[in-house]
Amino acid sequence: MGAALAIAHALGIDALIAAELLPEIEAVMVRKLNEQIGDGHG
């Protein structure tokens, strides 16, 4: 979480907004990574 908030800060994104959105973004990332692994592309 700390690294993600640091990236958000570097990009000029409000930390509160980033913290609110990170769980949803993480869920999408995990789902996509699992799809790639399942397809043999990961």
Protein backbone atom coordinates (compact mmCIF):
# COMPACT_ATOMS: atom_id res chain seq x y z
CA MET A 1 0.00 0.00 0.00
CA GLY A 2 2.84 2.36 0.82
CA ALA A 3 4.45 1.95 -2.58
CA ALA A 4 1.12 2.44 -4.36
CA LEU A 5 0.48 5.63 -2.40
CA ALA A 6 3.98 6.87 -3.21
CA ILE A 7 3.32 6.29 -6.92
CA ALA A 8 -0.02 8.08 -6.62
CA HIS A 9 1.73 11.02 -4.95
CA ALA A 10 4.36 11.11 -7.70
CA LEU A 11 1.58 11.19 -10.29
CA GLY A 12 -0.21 13.98 -8.47
CA ILE A 13 -3.15 11.81 -7.39
CA ASP A 14 -4.74 12.60 -4.03
CA ALA A 15 -3.76 9.95 -1.45
CA LEU A 16 -7.31 9.59 -0.14
CA ILE A 17 -8.67 8.94 -3.61
CA ALA A 18 -5.89 6.46 -4.35
CA ALA A 19 -6.48 4.61 -1.08
CA GLU A 20 -10.19 4.41 -1.88
CA LEU A 21 -9.63 3.03 -5.39
CA LEU A 22 -6.69 0.70 -4.74
CA PRO A 23 -8.72 -2.33 -3.60
CA GLU A 24 -10.79 -2.25 -6.80
CA ILE A 25 -7.72 -1.74 -8.98
CA GLU A 26 -5.96 -4.61 -7.23
CA ALA A 27 -8.92 -6.93 -7.82
CA VAL A 28 -8.83 -6.17 -11.56
CA MET A 29 -5.06 -6.69 -11.69
CA VAL A 30 -5.28 -10.05 -9.93
CA ARG A 31 -8.12 -11.19 -12.20
CA LYS A 32 -6.16 -10.24 -15.33
CA LEU A 33 -2.97 -11.89 -14.08
CA ASN A 34 -4.90 -15.08 -13.33
CA GLU A 35 -6.36 -15.00 -16.85
CA GLN A 36 -2.87 -14.65 -18.34
CA ILE A 37 -1.49 -17.48 -16.21
CA GLY A 38 -4.45 -19.68 -17.18
CA ASP A 39 -3.85 -18.95 -20.87
CA GLY A 40 -0.18 -19.80 -20.54
CA HIS A 41 0.90 -16.22 -21.31
CA GLY A 42 2.28 -15.41 -17.87
